[in-house]
C-alpha atoms as a PDB file:
ATOM      1  CA  MET A   1      11.692  14.152 -55.233  1.00  0.00           C
ATOM      2  CA  MET A   2      13.702  12.484 -57.862  1.00  0.00           C
ATOM      3  CA  GLU A   3      16.880  14.075 -56.425  1.00  0.00           C
ATOM      4  CA  ILE A   4      16.213  12.654 -53.060  1.00  0.00           C
ATOM      5  CA  LEU A   5      15.606   9.126 -54.472  1.00  0.00           C
ATOM      6  CA  LEU A   6      18.927   9.369 -56.412  1.00  0.00           C
ATOM      7  CA  GLN A   7      20.706  10.446 -53.311  1.00  0.00           C
ATOM      8  CA  LEU A   8      19.266   7.463 -51.375  1.00  0.00           C
ATOM      9  CA  VAL A   9      20.266   5.115 -54.204  1.00  0.00           C
ATOM     10  CA  PHE A  10      23.869   6.488 -54.285  1.00  0.00           C
ATOM     11  CA  SER A  11      24.128   6.059 -50.440  1.00  0.00           C
ATOM     12  CA  GLY A  12      22.782   2.597 -50.754  1.00  0.00           C
ATOM     13  CA  ILE A  13      25.284   1.682 -53.474  1.00  0.00           C
ATOM     14  CA  ALA A  14      28.116   2.800 -51.211  1.00  0.00           C
ATOM     15  CA  LEU A  15      26.793   0.796 -48.316  1.00  0.00           C
ATOM     16  CA  GLY A  16      25.929  -2.173 -50.499  1.00  0.00           C
ATOM     17  CA  MET A  17      29.550  -2.321 -51.815  1.00  0.00           C
ATOM     18  CA  ILE A  18      30.784  -2.711 -48.263  1.00  0.00           C
ATOM     19  CA  TYR A  19      28.387  -5.590 -47.728  1.00  0.00           C
ATOM     20  CA  ALA A  20      29.572  -7.094 -50.995  1.00  0.00           C
ATOM     21  CA  VAL A  21      33.219  -6.905 -49.907  1.00  0.00           C
ATOM     22  CA  ILE A  22      32.583  -8.646 -46.660  1.00  0.00           C
ATOM     23  CA  ALA A  23      30.308 -11.278 -48.434  1.00  0.00           C
ATOM     24  CA  PHE A  24      33.184 -11.787 -50.844  1.00  0.00           C
ATOM     25  CA  GLY A  25      35.315 -12.701 -47.898  1.00  0.00           C
ATOM     26  CA  TYR A  26      32.775 -15.309 -46.823  1.00  0.00           C
ATOM     27  CA  GLN A  27      32.981 -16.762 -50.258  1.00  0.00           C
ATOM     28  CA  LEU A  28      36.775 -17.122 -50.217  1.00  0.00           C
ATOM     29  CA  THR A  29      36.784 -19.363 -47.164  1.00  0.00           C
ATOM     30  CA  PHE A  30      33.670 -21.255 -48.140  1.00  0.00           C
ATOM     31  CA  ALA A  31      35.243 -22.123 -51.550  1.00  0.00           C
ATOM     32  CA  THR A  32      38.442 -23.739 -50.119  1.00  0.00           C
ATOM     33  CA  SER A  33      37.222 -25.334 -46.848  1.00  0.00           C
ATOM     34  CA  GLY A  34      33.366 -25.251 -46.820  1.00  0.00           C
ATOM     35  CA  THR A  35      33.574 -23.132 -43.650  1.00  0.00           C
ATOM     36  CA  LEU A  36      32.755 -19.611 -42.806  1.00  0.00           C
ATOM     37  CA  ASN A  37      34.355 -17.121 -40.397  1.00  0.00           C
ATOM     38  CA  PHE A  38      31.359 -15.769 -38.440  1.00  0.00           C
ATOM     39  CA  GLY A  39      33.782 -13.157 -36.945  1.00  0.00           C
ATOM     40  CA  GLN A  40      34.149 -11.496 -40.307  1.00  0.00           C
ATOM     41  CA  GLY A  41      32.444  -8.367 -39.010  1.00  0.00           C
ATOM     42  CA  GLU A  42      34.960  -8.186 -36.207  1.00  0.00           C
ATOM     43  CA  SER A  43      37.760  -8.314 -38.800  1.00  0.00           C
ATOM     44  CA  LEU A  44      36.232  -5.153 -40.340  1.00  0.00           C
ATOM     45  CA  MET A  45      35.972  -3.562 -36.946  1.00  0.00           C
ATOM     46  CA  LEU A  46      39.578  -4.209 -35.987  1.00  0.00           C
ATOM     47  CA  GLY A  47      40.683  -3.069 -39.273  1.00  0.00           C
ATOM     48  CA  ALA A  48      38.931   0.285 -38.793  1.00  0.00           C
ATOM     49  CA  LEU A  49      40.198   0.760 -35.325  1.00  0.00           C
ATOM     50  CA  VAL A  50      43.765  -0.173 -36.084  1.00  0.00           C
ATOM     51  CA  GLY A  51      43.505   2.232 -39.066  1.00  0.00           C
ATOM     52  CA  LEU A  52      42.211   4.990 -36.823  1.00  0.00           C
ATOM     53  CA  SER A  53      45.191   4.525 -34.489  1.00  0.00           C
ATOM     54  CA  LEU A  54      47.634   4.582 -37.351  1.00  0.00           C
ATOM     55  CA  VAL A  55      46.244   7.422 -39.389  1.00  0.00           C
ATOM     56  CA  GLY A  56      46.773   9.913 -36.480  1.00  0.00           C
ATOM     57  CA  ASN A  57      50.412   8.911 -36.186  1.00  0.00           C
ATOM     58  CA  ILE A  58      51.516   9.103 -39.800  1.00  0.00           C
ATOM     59  CA  HIS A  59      52.831  12.420 -40.979  1.00  0.00           C
ATOM     60  CA  GLY A  60      51.866  13.960 -44.320  1.00  0.00           C
ATOM     61  CA  GLY A  61      48.278  14.981 -43.724  1.00  0.00           C
ATOM     62  CA  PRO A  62      44.992  13.010 -43.681  1.00  0.00           C
ATOM     63  CA  TYR A  63      45.128  11.857 -47.331  1.00  0.00           C
ATOM     64  CA  MET A  64      48.736  10.619 -47.295  1.00  0.00           C
ATOM     65  CA  GLY A  65      48.249   9.154 -43.825  1.00  0.00           C
ATOM     66  CA  TYR A  66      45.259   7.247 -44.998  1.00  0.00           C
ATOM     67  CA  LEU A  67      47.029   5.861 -48.098  1.00  0.00           C
ATOM     68  CA  LEU A  68      50.035   4.759 -46.028  1.00  0.00           C
ATOM     69  CA  MET A  69      47.866   3.230 -43.394  1.00  0.00           C
ATOM     70  CA  ILE A  70      46.018   0.866 -45.778  1.00  0.00           C
ATOM     71  CA  PRO A  71      48.809  -1.685 -46.428  1.00  0.00           C
ATOM     72  CA  ILE A  72      49.415  -2.003 -42.664  1.00  0.00           C
ATOM     73  CA  VAL A  73      45.765  -2.576 -41.998  1.00  0.00           C
ATOM     74  CA  ILE A  74      45.615  -5.248 -44.791  1.00  0.00           C
ATOM     75  CA  LEU A  75      48.620  -7.055 -43.313  1.00  0.00           C
ATOM     76  CA  PHE A  76      47.130  -6.882 -39.861  1.00  0.00           C
ATOM     77  CA  GLY A  77      43.831  -8.344 -41.200  1.00  0.00           C
ATOM     78  CA  ALA A  78      45.736 -11.139 -42.878  1.00  0.00           C
ATOM     79  CA  LEU A  79      47.436 -12.078 -39.649  1.00  0.00           C
ATOM     80  CA  GLN A  80      44.235 -11.955 -37.753  1.00  0.00           C
ATOM     81  CA  GLY A  81      42.553 -14.210 -40.298  1.00  0.00           C
ATOM     82  CA  MET A  82      45.445 -16.762 -40.005  1.00  0.00           C
ATOM     83  CA  LEU A  83      44.996 -16.778 -36.250  1.00  0.00           C
ATOM     84  CA  VAL A  84      41.281 -17.494 -36.627  1.00  0.00           C
ATOM     85  CA  GLU A  85      42.054 -20.388 -38.942  1.00  0.00           C
ATOM     86  CA  TRP A  86      44.778 -21.887 -36.747  1.00  0.00           C
ATOM     87  CA  ILE A  87      42.816 -21.627 -33.475  1.00  0.00           C
ATOM     88  CA  GLY A  88      39.124 -21.962 -34.534  1.00  0.00           C
ATOM     89  CA  VAL A  89      38.858 -23.731 -37.838  1.00  0.00           C
ATOM     90  CA  ARG A  90      41.796 -26.133 -38.306  1.00  0.00           C
ATOM     91  CA  PRO A  91      41.197 -28.202 -35.215  1.00  0.00           C
ATOM     92  CA  ALA A  92      37.561 -28.707 -36.263  1.00  0.00           C
ATOM     93  CA  ILE A  93      38.534 -29.682 -39.834  1.00  0.00           C
ATOM     94  CA  LYS A  94      41.113 -32.115 -38.504  1.00  0.00           C
ATOM     95  CA  ILE A  95      38.628 -33.989 -36.275  1.00  0.00           C
ATOM     96  CA  LYS A  96      35.928 -33.590 -39.052  1.00  0.00           C
ATOM     97  CA  SER A  97      33.627 -31.711 -36.713  1.00  0.00           C
ATOM     98  CA  GLU A  98      30.855 -30.472 -38.974  1.00  0.00           C
ATOM     99  CA  PHE A  99      29.920 -27.553 -36.818  1.00  0.00           C
ATOM    100  CA  GLY A 100      32.733 -27.067 -34.423  1.00  0.00           C
ATOM    101  CA  TRP A 101      34.139 -24.103 -36.519  1.00  0.00           C
ATOM    102  CA  ILE A 102      30.862 -22.263 -36.219  1.00  0.00           C
ATOM    103  CA  MET A 103      31.095 -21.943 -32.335  1.00  0.00           C
ATOM    104  CA  SER A 104      34.821 -21.415 -32.560  1.00  0.00           C
ATOM    105  CA  THR A 105      34.606 -18.453 -34.909  1.00  0.00           C
ATOM    106  CA  ILE A 106      31.734 -16.956 -32.970  1.00  0.00           C
ATOM    107  CA  ALA A 107      33.688 -17.336 -29.711  1.00  0.00           C
ATOM    108  CA  LEU A 108      36.747 -15.660 -31.317  1.00  0.00           C
ATOM    109  CA  ALA A 109      34.536 -12.830 -32.547  1.00  0.00           C
ATOM    110  CA  ILE A 110      33.327 -12.130 -28.965  1.00  0.00           C
ATOM    111  CA  ILE A 111      36.981 -12.244 -27.752  1.00  0.00           C
ATOM    112  CA  PHE A 112      38.047  -9.806 -30.451  1.00  0.00           C
ATOM    113  CA  LYS A 113      35.126  -7.488 -29.581  1.00  0.00           C
ATOM    114  CA  ASN A 114      36.031  -7.494 -25.839  1.00  0.00           C
ATOM    115  CA  VAL A 115      39.710  -6.793 -26.622  1.00  0.00           C
ATOM    116  CA  ALA A 116      38.742  -3.933 -28.846  1.00  0.00           C
ATOM    117  CA  GLU A 117      36.538  -2.378 -26.042  1.00  0.00           C
ATOM    118  CA  ASN A 118      39.383  -2.683 -23.537  1.00  0.00           C
ATOM    119  CA  ILE A 119      41.889  -0.992 -25.907  1.00  0.00           C
ATOM    120  CA  TRP A 120      39.819   1.582 -27.709  1.00  0.00           C
ATOM    121  CA  GLY A 121      36.890   1.879 -25.240  1.00  0.00           C
ATOM    122  CA  LYS A 122      33.183   1.382 -25.705  1.00  0.00           C
ATOM    123  CA  ASP A 123      32.407   4.811 -27.183  1.00  0.00           C
ATOM    124  CA  ASP A 124      32.172   5.368 -30.856  1.00  0.00           C
ATOM    125  CA  LEU A 125      34.966   7.343 -32.411  1.00  0.00           C
ATOM    126  CA  THR A 126      35.199   9.591 -35.471  1.00  0.00           C
ATOM    127  CA  PHE A 127      37.462   8.496 -38.279  1.00  0.00           C
ATOM    128  CA  PRO A 128      38.985  11.476 -40.132  1.00  0.00           C
ATOM    129  CA  SER A 129      38.032  11.545 -43.842  1.00  0.00           C
ATOM    130  CA  PRO A 130      40.946  11.680 -46.272  1.00  0.00           C
ATOM    131  CA  LEU A 131      38.792  13.427 -48.854  1.00  0.00           C
ATOM    132  CA  SER A 132      36.928  16.613 -48.821  1.00  0.00           C
ATOM    133  CA  SER A 133      33.425  16.721 -47.303  1.00  0.00           C
ATOM    134  CA  ALA A 134      32.090  18.965 -49.990  1.00  0.00           C
ATOM    135  CA  PRO A 135      29.481  16.944 -51.926  1.00  0.00           C
ATOM    136  CA  ILE A 136      29.646  16.368 -55.619  1.00  0.00           C
ATOM    137  CA  ASP A 137      26.516  17.047 -57.730  1.00  0.00           C
ATOM    138  CA  ILE A 138      25.587  13.935 -59.782  1.00  0.00           C
ATOM    139  CA  MET A 139      22.299  14.227 -61.600  1.00  0.00           C
ATOM    140  CA  GLY A 140      21.001  16.645 -58.992  1.00  0.00           C
ATOM    141  CA  ALA A 141      22.046  14.403 -56.029  1.00  0.00           C
ATOM    142  CA  ASN A 142      24.737  15.426 -53.523  1.00  0.00           C
ATOM    143  CA  VAL A 143      27.311  12.574 -53.363  1.00  0.00           C
ATOM    144  CA  GLN A 144      30.217  12.595 -50.947  1.00  0.00           C
ATOM    145  CA  PRO A 145      33.684  11.999 -52.513  1.00  0.00           C
ATOM    146  CA  MET A 146      34.201   9.278 -49.898  1.00  0.00           C
ATOM    147  CA  GLN A 147      31.150   7.367 -51.116  1.00  0.00           C
ATOM    148  CA  ILE A 148      32.637   7.297 -54.600  1.00  0.00           C
ATOM    149  CA  ALA A 149      35.909   6.200 -53.136  1.00  0.00           C
ATOM    150  CA  VAL A 150      34.082   3.270 -51.152  1.00  0.00           C
ATOM    151  CA  VAL A 151      32.630   1.954 -54.481  1.00  0.00           C
ATOM    152  CA  VAL A 152      35.881   2.321 -56.402  1.00  0.00           C
ATOM    153  CA  GLY A 153      37.931   0.719 -53.545  1.00  0.00           C
ATOM    154  CA  ALA A 154      35.548  -2.156 -53.090  1.00  0.00           C
ATOM    155  CA  LEU A 155      35.457  -2.989 -56.767  1.00  0.00           C
ATOM    156  CA  ALA A 156      39.331  -2.637 -56.875  1.00  0.00           C
ATOM    157  CA  ILE A 157      39.939  -5.039 -53.984  1.00  0.00           C
ATOM    158  CA  MET A 158      37.557  -7.668 -55.458  1.00  0.00           C
ATOM    159  CA  ALA A 159      39.024  -7.383 -58.862  1.00  0.00           C
ATOM    160  CA  ALA A 160      42.612  -7.630 -57.514  1.00  0.00           C
ATOM    161  CA  VAL A 161      41.755 -10.885 -55.684  1.00  0.00           C
ATOM    162  CA  GLU A 162      40.119 -12.364 -58.797  1.00  0.00           C
ATOM    163  CA  ILE A 163      43.132 -11.476 -60.991  1.00  0.00           C
ATOM    164  CA  PHE A 164      45.476 -13.068 -58.362  1.00  0.00           C
ATOM    165  CA  ASN A 165      43.402 -16.264 -58.380  1.00  0.00           C
ATOM    166  CA  ARG A 166      43.373 -16.492 -62.170  1.00  0.00           C
ATOM    167  CA  LYS A 167      46.877 -15.426 -63.044  1.00  0.00           C
ATOM    168  CA  SER A 168      49.220 -16.384 -60.268  1.00  0.00           C
ATOM    169  CA  ILE A 169      50.421 -19.848 -59.412  1.00  0.00           C
ATOM    170  CA  TYR A 170      49.335 -19.466 -55.773  1.00  0.00           C
ATOM    171  CA  GLY A 171      45.863 -18.214 -56.968  1.00  0.00           C
ATOM    172  CA  LYS A 172      45.504 -21.251 -59.219  1.00  0.00           C
ATOM    173  CA  ALA A 173      46.209 -23.433 -56.136  1.00  0.00           C
ATOM    174  CA  VAL A 174      43.324 -21.708 -54.358  1.00  0.00           C
ATOM    175  CA  VAL A 175      41.005 -22.354 -57.359  1.00  0.00           C
ATOM    176  CA  ALA A 176      42.126 -25.967 -57.599  1.00  0.00           C
ATOM    177  CA  THR A 177      41.447 -26.492 -53.882  1.00  0.00           C
ATOM    178  CA  ALA A 178      38.057 -24.767 -54.323  1.00  0.00           C
ATOM    179  CA  ASN A 179      37.135 -26.996 -57.273  1.00  0.00           C
ATOM    180  CA  ASP A 180      38.190 -30.299 -55.601  1.00  0.00           C
ATOM    181  CA  ARG A 181      40.156 -30.334 -52.395  1.00  0.00           C
ATOM    182  CA  ASP A 182      40.980 -34.103 -52.394  1.00  0.00           C
ATOM    183  CA  ALA A 183      42.151 -33.927 -56.055  1.00  0.00           C
ATOM    184  CA  ALA A 184      44.146 -30.794 -55.395  1.00  0.00           C
ATOM    185  CA  GLY A 185      45.855 -32.688 -52.545  1.00  0.00           C
ATOM    186  CA  LEU A 186      46.718 -35.570 -54.756  1.00  0.00           C
ATOM    187  CA  MET A 187      48.258 -33.242 -57.177  1.00  0.00           C
ATOM    188  CA  GLY A 188      50.704 -32.067 -54.474  1.00  0.00           C
ATOM    189  CA  ILE A 189      48.971 -28.864 -53.433  1.00  0.00           C
ATOM    190  CA  ASN A 190      49.159 -28.202 -49.680  1.00  0.00           C
ATOM    191  CA  THR A 191      45.515 -27.716 -49.215  1.00  0.00           C
ATOM    192  CA  GLY A 192      45.935 -26.911 -45.470  1.00  0.00           C
ATOM    193  CA  MET A 193      48.151 -23.894 -46.392  1.00  0.00           C
ATOM    194  CA  VAL A 194      45.629 -22.890 -49.077  1.00  0.00           C
ATOM    195  CA  ILE A 195      42.752 -22.805 -46.467  1.00  0.00           C
ATOM    196  CA  THR A 196      45.049 -20.766 -44.140  1.00  0.00           C
ATOM    197  CA  PHE A 197      45.695 -18.359 -46.998  1.00  0.00           C
ATOM    198  CA  SER A 198      41.989 -18.099 -47.811  1.00  0.00           C
ATOM    199  CA  TYR A 199      41.193 -17.040 -44.239  1.00  0.00           C
ATOM    200  CA  ALA A 200      44.141 -14.567 -44.378  1.00  0.00           C
ATOM    201  CA  LEU A 201      42.781 -13.025 -47.600  1.00  0.00           C
ATOM    202  CA  SER A 202      39.308 -12.929 -46.335  1.00  0.00           C
ATOM    203  CA  SER A 203      40.133 -11.056 -43.144  1.00  0.00           C
ATOM    204  CA  ALA A 204      42.492  -8.780 -45.075  1.00  0.00           C
ATOM    205  CA  VAL A 205      39.689  -7.858 -47.400  1.00  0.00           C
ATOM    206  CA  ALA A 206      37.284  -7.252 -44.428  1.00  0.00           C
ATOM    207  CA  ALA A 207      39.961  -5.078 -42.636  1.00  0.00           C
ATOM    208  CA  PHE A 208      40.256  -3.069 -45.909  1.00  0.00           C
ATOM    209  CA  ALA A 209      36.446  -2.634 -45.997  1.00  0.00           C
ATOM    210  CA  GLY A 210      36.679  -1.347 -42.417  1.00  0.00           C
ATOM    211  CA  VAL A 211      38.894   1.543 -43.282  1.00  0.00           C
ATOM    212  CA  LEU A 212      36.692   2.181 -46.415  1.00  0.00           C
ATOM    213  CA  VAL A 213      33.530   2.603 -44.464  1.00  0.00           C
ATOM    214  CA  ALA A 214      34.921   4.149 -41.263  1.00  0.00           C
ATOM    215  CA  PRO A 215      35.191   7.804 -42.640  1.00  0.00           C
ATOM    216  CA  LEU A 216      31.391   7.522 -43.451  1.00  0.00           C
ATOM    217  CA  THR A 217      30.204   6.310 -40.100  1.00  0.00           C
ATOM    218  CA  LEU A 218      31.266   6.079 -36.432  1.00  0.00           C
ATOM    219  CA  THR A 219      34.029   3.602 -35.569  1.00  0.00           C
ATOM    220  CA  GLY A 220      33.762   1.439 -32.510  1.00  0.00           C
ATOM    221  CA  ALA A 221      33.846  -2.073 -31.140  1.00  0.00           C
ATOM    222  CA  THR A 222      30.268  -2.749 -31.982  1.00  0.00           C
ATOM    223  CA  MET A 223      30.352  -1.683 -35.621  1.00  0.00           C
ATOM    224  CA  GLY A 224      31.254  -5.090 -37.038  1.00  0.00           C
ATOM    225  CA  ALA A 225      28.478  -7.217 -35.656  1.00  0.00           C
ATOM    226  CA  SER A 226      25.633  -5.668 -37.757  1.00  0.00           C
ATOM    227  CA  LEU A 227      27.803  -5.292 -40.845  1.00  0.00           C
ATOM    228  CA  GLY A 228      29.009  -8.900 -40.683  1.00  0.00           C
ATOM    229  CA  LEU A 229      25.516 -10.344 -40.190  1.00  0.00           C
ATOM    230  CA  LYS A 230      24.052  -8.283 -43.129  1.00  0.00           C
ATOM    231  CA  ALA A 231      27.006  -9.229 -45.303  1.00  0.00           C
ATOM    232  CA  PHE A 232      26.210 -12.904 -44.490  1.00  0.00           C
ATOM    233  CA  ALA A 233      22.659 -12.216 -45.631  1.00  0.00           C
ATOM    234  CA  VAL A 234      24.129 -10.734 -48.936  1.00  0.00           C
ATOM    235  CA  ALA A 235      26.324 -13.833 -49.388  1.00  0.00           C
ATOM    236  CA  ILE A 236      23.229 -16.082 -49.141  1.00  0.00           C
ATOM    237  CA  ILE A 237      21.103 -13.784 -51.399  1.00  0.00           C
ATOM    238  CA  GLY A 238      23.750 -13.594 -54.052  1.00  0.00           C
ATOM    239  CA  GLY A 239      25.035 -17.157 -53.653  1.00  0.00           C
ATOM    240  CA  LEU A 240      28.058 -18.350 -51.728  1.00  0.00           C
ATOM    241  CA  THR A 241      29.767 -19.423 -54.888  1.00  0.00           C
ATOM    242  CA  SER A 242      29.395 -16.285 -57.011  1.00  0.00           C
ATOM    243  CA  GLY A 243      31.381 -13.049 -56.864  1.00  0.00           C
ATOM    244  CA  VAL A 244      28.891 -11.356 -59.046  1.00  0.00           C
ATOM    245  CA  GLY A 245      26.222 -12.546 -56.678  1.00  0.00           C
ATOM    246  CA  ALA A 246      27.984 -10.831 -53.844  1.00  0.00           C
ATOM    247  CA  ILE A 247      28.067  -7.531 -55.721  1.00  0.00           C
ATOM    248  CA  VAL A 248      24.441  -7.788 -56.849  1.00  0.00           C
ATOM    249  CA  GLY A 249      23.116  -8.954 -53.542  1.00  0.00           C
ATOM    250  CA  GLY A 250      25.082  -6.102 -51.724  1.00  0.00           C
ATOM    251  CA  LEU A 251      23.659  -3.491 -54.077  1.00  0.00           C
ATOM    252  CA  ILE A 252      20.186  -4.722 -53.620  1.00  0.00           C
ATOM    253  CA  LEU A 253      20.351  -4.812 -49.874  1.00  0.00           C
ATOM    254  CA  GLY A 254      22.080  -1.493 -49.585  1.00  0.00           C
ATOM    255  CA  VAL A 255      19.563   0.345 -51.693  1.00  0.00           C
ATOM    256  CA  VAL A 256      16.638  -1.322 -50.114  1.00  0.00           C
ATOM    257  CA  GLU A 257      17.916  -0.407 -46.673  1.00  0.00           C
ATOM    258  CA  THR A 258      18.489   3.330 -47.446  1.00  0.00           C
ATOM    259  CA  THR A 259      15.303   3.827 -49.329  1.00  0.00           C
ATOM    260  CA  ALA A 260      13.085   1.811 -46.680  1.00  0.00           C
ATOM    261  CA  GLY A 261      14.778   3.789 -43.897  1.00  0.00           C
ATOM    262  CA  TYR A 262      13.671   7.152 -45.628  1.00  0.00           C
ATOM    263  CA  TYR A 263      10.301   6.268 -46.931  1.00  0.00           C
ATOM    264  CA  ILE A 264       9.023   3.969 -44.189  1.00  0.00           C
ATOM    265  CA  SER A 265      11.005   4.385 -40.995  1.00  0.00           C
ATOM    266  CA  THR A 266      14.563   3.978 -39.796  1.00  0.00           C
ATOM    267  CA  GLY A 267      13.206   1.533 -37.253  1.00  0.00           C
ATOM    268  CA  TYR A 268      12.132  -0.727 -40.161  1.00  0.00           C
ATOM    269  CA  LYS A 269      15.058  -0.267 -42.494  1.00  0.00           C
ATOM    270  CA  ASP A 270      16.391  -3.846 -41.892  1.00  0.00           C
ATOM    271  CA  VAL A 271      13.022  -5.508 -42.429  1.00  0.00           C
ATOM    272  CA  PRO A 272      12.848  -5.418 -46.316  1.00  0.00           C
ATOM    273  CA  GLY A 273      16.269  -6.976 -46.678  1.00  0.00           C
ATOM    274  CA  LEU A 274      15.430  -9.751 -44.279  1.00  0.00           C
ATOM    275  CA  LEU A 275      12.190 -10.461 -46.064  1.00  0.00           C
ATOM    276  CA  LEU A 276      14.222 -10.609 -49.317  1.00  0.00           C
ATOM    277  CA  LEU A 277      16.556 -13.175 -47.708  1.00  0.00           C
ATOM    278  CA  LEU A 278      13.577 -15.225 -46.687  1.00  0.00           C
ATOM    279  CA  LEU A 279      12.124 -15.004 -50.127  1.00  0.00           C
ATOM    280  CA  VAL A 280      15.330 -16.028 -51.913  1.00  0.00           C
ATOM    281  CA  LEU A 281      15.823 -18.979 -49.463  1.00  0.00           C
ATOM    282  CA  ALA A 282      12.307 -20.143 -50.181  1.00  0.00           C
ATOM    283  CA  VAL A 283      12.515 -19.892 -53.978  1.00  0.00           C
ATOM    284  CA  LYS A 284      16.234 -20.477 -54.698  1.00  0.00           C
ATOM    285  CA  PRO A 285      18.156 -21.730 -51.558  1.00  0.00           C
ATOM    286  CA  SER A 286      21.446 -21.647 -53.382  1.00  0.00           C
ATOM    287  CA  GLY A 287      21.161 -17.910 -53.969  1.00  0.00           C
ATOM    288  CA  LEU A 288      20.342 -15.740 -57.024  1.00  0.00           C
ATOM    289  CA  PHE A 289      23.702 -16.656 -58.776  1.00  0.00           C
ATOM    290  CA  GLY A 290      24.700 -19.621 -56.769  1.00  0.00           C
ATOM    291  CA  LYS A 291      25.053 -23.163 -58.045  1.00  0.00           C
ATOM    292  CA  ALA A 292      23.225 -25.989 -56.214  1.00  0.00           C
ATOM    293  CA  ALA A 293      25.754 -28.437 -54.776  1.00  0.00           C
ATOM    294  CA  ILE A 294      25.391 -32.033 -55.932  1.00  0.00           C
ATOM    295  CA  LYS A 295      26.528 -34.569 -53.282  1.00  0.00           C
ATOM    296  CA  LYS A 296      27.319 -38.256 -54.009  1.00  0.00           C
ATOM    297  CA  VAL A 297      25.724 -40.628 -51.734  1.00  0.00           C
END
């Protein structure tokens, strides 16, 4: 019985880290512009499908093909994020439309989904795993090597972004814009470019998450919608201003989903996480680790 619980927890951790990476992407754009890309799930989906097309055409076997494909997918995700910012977000910011970017990013998400269906079809596809399918015994639970790779990869990409923001001059411009956009502009920082960069980075991270999770699940045009929505719930639970909150919120939601799906019913696996979201919003609207915003009036 304990072995089953441990296996569910390990599966939930792997799933939760994917939620955390996508939620981390939401935080990147919210910090610099106060906006969110509601097509973040579609960035993940496109990353997975582009990766699937590439991995079969790169020589050197599944493992080497997978490694060589990742930088291309990240670049593709970055370009896609820039496109979203240019078309869907920048015009709304210029005219100071408070909610225009919401409908624009949703509309672009629908367009991306339709494009994916026309290119790759509506059927779900199998993504070849770069690692062995033989499970590893950890404390009596069978854990797939790819699940471990997901956790390591997710932590690595988030750590890389944090190091970039803290150590590089461009990252410091992002942090300055996040702290006070008007003051950053007065200091000579091109805040418009910083916002574009944050969208590029956000979508690149989501695309990377797509190729991480794809070997563990089926890949298709509909895979992004559910993951993106749940990741948004994670961002709210953890707090839109906290990277630690994204990780903790993702782990909580991932473990709750897998255990509820086994012990209650797969038809109700989404319910506990949504109840948790409602509870957090009722008790601490800024999230478990978020800071309440103080506005001058």
